[in-house]
Protein backbone atom coordinates (compact mmCIF):
# COMPACT_ATOMS: atom_id res chain seq x y z
CA MET A 1 2.66 2.75 -15.08
CA VAL A 2 0.03 2.10 -17.70
CA ASP A 3 0.00 4.27 -20.82
CA ILE A 4 -3.02 4.63 -23.05
CA ILE A 5 -2.14 4.97 -26.71
CA PHE A 6 -4.36 5.60 -29.69
CA ASN A 7 -4.64 2.58 -31.96
CA SER A 8 -4.01 3.98 -35.45
CA SER A 9 -5.32 0.78 -37.05
CA PHE A 10 -8.69 1.60 -35.45
CA LEU A 11 -9.25 4.30 -38.10
CA GLY A 12 -8.82 1.70 -40.83
CA ASP A 13 -11.44 -0.47 -39.16
CA MET A 14 -13.87 2.46 -39.23
CA GLY A 15 -13.66 2.80 -43.01
CA ASP A 16 -10.88 5.40 -43.29
CA HIS A 17 -8.77 3.53 -45.82
CA SER A 18 -6.39 6.47 -46.27
CA LYS A 19 -4.56 5.25 -43.15
CA LYS A 20 -2.30 2.30 -43.72
CA LYS A 21 -2.81 -0.76 -41.46
CA SER A 22 0.66 -1.66 -40.34
CA GLY A 23 1.86 -3.37 -37.20
CA ILE A 24 -1.43 -4.50 -35.65
CA ALA A 25 -0.96 -4.75 -31.88
CA MET A 26 -1.33 -8.13 -30.20
CA CYS A 27 -2.69 -8.38 -26.64
CA VAL A 28 -0.26 -9.97 -24.18
CA GLY A 29 -3.18 -11.14 -22.04
CA CYS A 30 -5.30 -13.06 -24.55
CA GLY A 31 -3.03 -13.25 -27.60
CA SER A 32 -5.62 -11.71 -29.93
CA GLN A 33 -5.23 -8.67 -32.15
CA ILE A 34 -6.20 -5.36 -30.58
CA HIS A 35 -8.81 -3.62 -32.73
CA ASP A 36 -10.01 -1.32 -29.91
CA GLN A 37 -9.65 2.45 -30.23
CA TYR A 38 -7.17 2.52 -27.34
CA ILE A 39 -4.38 0.16 -26.33
CA LEU A 40 -3.03 -0.14 -22.78
CA ARG A 41 0.75 -0.32 -22.80
CA VAL A 42 2.76 -1.55 -19.80
CA ALA A 43 6.53 -1.18 -19.85
CA PRO A 44 8.02 -0.43 -23.23
CA ASP A 45 6.48 -3.25 -25.24
CA LEU A 46 3.60 -5.03 -23.48
CA GLU A 47 0.25 -4.11 -25.05
CA TRP A 48 -3.17 -5.14 -23.73
CA HIS A 49 -6.90 -4.87 -24.36
CA ALA A 50 -8.44 -2.75 -21.59
CA ALA A 51 -10.51 -5.79 -20.57
CA CYS A 52 -7.45 -8.07 -20.37
CA LEU A 53 -5.14 -6.00 -18.14
CA LYS A 54 -5.89 -7.28 -14.62
CA CYS A 55 -3.99 -8.06 -11.44
CA ALA A 56 -2.90 -11.72 -11.52
CA GLU A 57 -3.77 -12.06 -7.83
CA CYS A 58 -7.06 -10.20 -7.22
CA SER A 59 -8.29 -9.67 -10.82
CA GLN A 60 -8.67 -5.90 -10.30
CA TYR A 61 -8.67 -4.10 -13.64
CA LEU A 62 -5.51 -2.06 -14.14
CA ASP A 63 -5.51 1.18 -16.09
CA GLU A 64 -3.91 4.61 -16.16
CA THR A 65 -5.36 5.46 -12.72
CA CYS A 66 -3.30 2.93 -10.78
CA THR A 67 0.27 1.73 -10.49
CA CYS A 68 0.93 -1.53 -12.29
CA PHE A 69 3.78 -3.90 -11.47
CA VAL A 70 5.12 -6.71 -13.66
CA ARG A 71 7.00 -9.69 -12.28
CA ASP A 72 7.77 -12.95 -14.08
CA GLY A 73 5.41 -11.95 -16.89
CA LYS A 74 2.43 -11.38 -14.56
CA THR A 75 0.83 -8.02 -13.76
CA TYR A 76 -0.08 -6.97 -10.21
CA CYS A 77 -1.83 -4.07 -8.52
CA LYS A 78 0.35 -2.21 -6.02
CA ARG A 79 -1.35 -3.73 -2.95
CA ASP A 80 -0.81 -7.33 -4.08
CA TYR A 81 2.71 -6.70 -5.38
CA VAL A 82 3.83 -5.26 -2.03
CA ARG A 83 2.05 -8.05 -0.12
CA LEU A 84 3.62 -10.81 -2.21
CA PHE A 85 7.07 -9.43 -3.01
CA GLY A 86 7.70 -6.51 -0.64
CA ILE A 87 10.02 -6.50 2.37
CA LYS A 88 8.45 -8.18 5.40
CA CYS A 89 9.14 -7.93 9.12
CA ALA A 90 11.55 -10.65 10.29
CA ASN A 91 9.38 -11.19 13.38
CA CYS A 92 5.72 -11.07 12.28
CA ASN A 93 6.21 -11.58 8.51
CA ILE A 94 3.85 -8.68 7.71
CA GLY A 95 4.82 -6.08 5.12
CA PHE A 96 5.52 -2.44 5.79
CA CYS A 97 3.62 0.71 4.91
CA SER A 98 5.66 3.51 3.40
CA SER A 99 5.23 5.56 6.61
CA ASP A 100 6.29 2.79 9.06
CA LEU A 101 9.38 3.30 11.17
CA VAL A 102 11.55 0.20 11.14
CA MET A 103 14.59 -1.22 12.93
CA ARG A 104 17.36 -3.20 11.24
CA ALA A 105 19.63 -5.94 12.57
CA ARG A 106 22.02 -7.30 9.95
CA ASP A 107 19.84 -8.15 6.94
CA ASN A 108 16.63 -8.29 8.98
CA VAL A 109 14.06 -5.51 9.12
CA TYR A 110 11.49 -5.19 11.92
CA HIS A 111 8.47 -3.09 12.81
CA MET A 112 9.34 -0.91 15.81
CA GLU A 113 6.85 -2.87 17.93
CA CYS A 114 8.33 -6.23 16.78
CA PHE A 115 11.92 -5.32 17.69
CA ARG A 116 11.91 -7.28 20.99
CA CYS A 117 14.00 -9.81 22.86
CA SER A 118 12.80 -13.28 21.85
CA VAL A 119 13.24 -14.56 25.43
CA CYS A 120 11.74 -11.87 27.70
CA SER A 121 9.87 -9.79 25.07
CA ARG A 122 11.57 -6.59 26.24
CA HIS A 123 11.18 -3.83 23.66
CA LEU A 124 14.64 -2.94 22.32
CA LEU A 125 15.27 0.76 21.71
CA PRO A 126 18.03 2.78 20.00
CA GLY A 127 21.13 2.62 22.23
CA ASP A 128 20.24 -0.77 23.77
CA GLU A 129 22.77 -3.57 23.41
CA PHE A 130 21.43 -6.70 21.76
CA SER A 131 22.60 -9.81 19.96
CA LEU A 132 21.22 -11.78 17.06
CA ARG A 133 21.53 -15.56 17.24
CA ASP A 134 19.84 -17.89 14.77
CA GLU A 135 17.76 -14.92 13.59
CA GLU A 136 16.48 -14.35 17.16
CA LEU A 137 16.97 -11.01 18.94
CA LEU A 138 18.31 -11.16 22.50
CA CYS A 139 18.58 -8.30 24.99
CA ARG A 140 21.89 -7.91 26.85
CA ALA A 141 20.59 -9.66 29.99
CA ASP A 142 19.29 -12.73 28.16
CA HIS A 143 22.42 -12.84 26.02
CA GLY A 144 24.47 -12.99 29.24
CA LEU A 145 22.31 -15.76 30.74
CA LEU A 146 22.55 -17.78 27.56
CA MET A 147 26.34 -17.40 27.49
CA GLU A 148 26.58 -18.59 31.11
CA ARG A 149 24.49 -21.68 30.37
CA ALA A 150 26.03 -22.53 27.04
CA SER A 151 29.01 -24.82 27.19
CA THR A 152 29.20 -25.22 23.42
CA GLY A 153 27.74 -23.61 20.34
CA SER A 154 28.41 -20.65 18.17
CA PRO A 155 29.26 -17.39 19.92
CA LEU A 156 26.75 -14.58 19.80
CA SER A 157 27.70 -11.45 17.95
CA PRO A 158 26.63 -8.52 20.11
CA GLY A 159 25.40 -5.30 18.59
CA ILE A 160 24.28 -1.88 19.67
CA ILE A 161 21.26 -0.13 18.22
CA HIS A 162 22.45 3.18 16.86
CA SER A 163 20.20 5.95 15.62
CA ARG A 164 21.24 5.01 12.07
CA SER A 165 19.46 1.65 12.59
CA LEU A 166 16.18 3.56 12.67
CA HIS A 167 14.87 3.85 9.12
CA ILE A 168 11.68 4.83 7.41
CA ALA A 169 10.27 1.99 5.36
CA GLY A 170 9.54 4.34 2.49
CA HIS A 171 13.25 4.39 1.65
CA LEU A 172 13.31 0.58 1.59
CA PHE A 173 10.20 0.45 -0.59
CA ALA A 174 11.64 2.91 -3.08
CA ARG A 175 14.76 0.79 -3.55
CA ARG A 176 13.14 -2.65 -3.67
CA SER A 177 10.06 -2.29 -5.84
CA LYS A 178 9.96 -0.32 -9.02
CA PRO A 179 6.68 0.41 -10.75
CA ILE A 180 6.56 -0.26 -14.45
């Protein structure tokens, strides 16, 4: 979140010498003193000129009308932050919208449409048995065929899709990315 605060030193610059100039704000973006009437503040202590606060990825200006994210000292608009750092589907590597329904298998998260057997492309649904081997989903039939053919290798760990595996991505988004 971006806060706009009144720059009390601005009054001194306008000729009102009754106000004491103390603690002149420095812009995090350009390193210069902020003499503007208003200062944009991100997080508790990052202050910016309005013209300096931009998304590091797309250069969109960030202000009090949009959500601002900070990571590794860089500021991002919400769209770019989610695209770069948000949870992505283990199959298609595309991020999730807050309204997307998702499926989980171990630490992997999938779009509903992407939750398919990697061999036959059968769509796996809640209640279906499946296995996950080398980050690849297998339906029960293909798991069985693979086990028959395999003479060595690591055993597959079968799983069953329960209704609790069906999640709304909004819950994942709320836990993983926190606006500043």
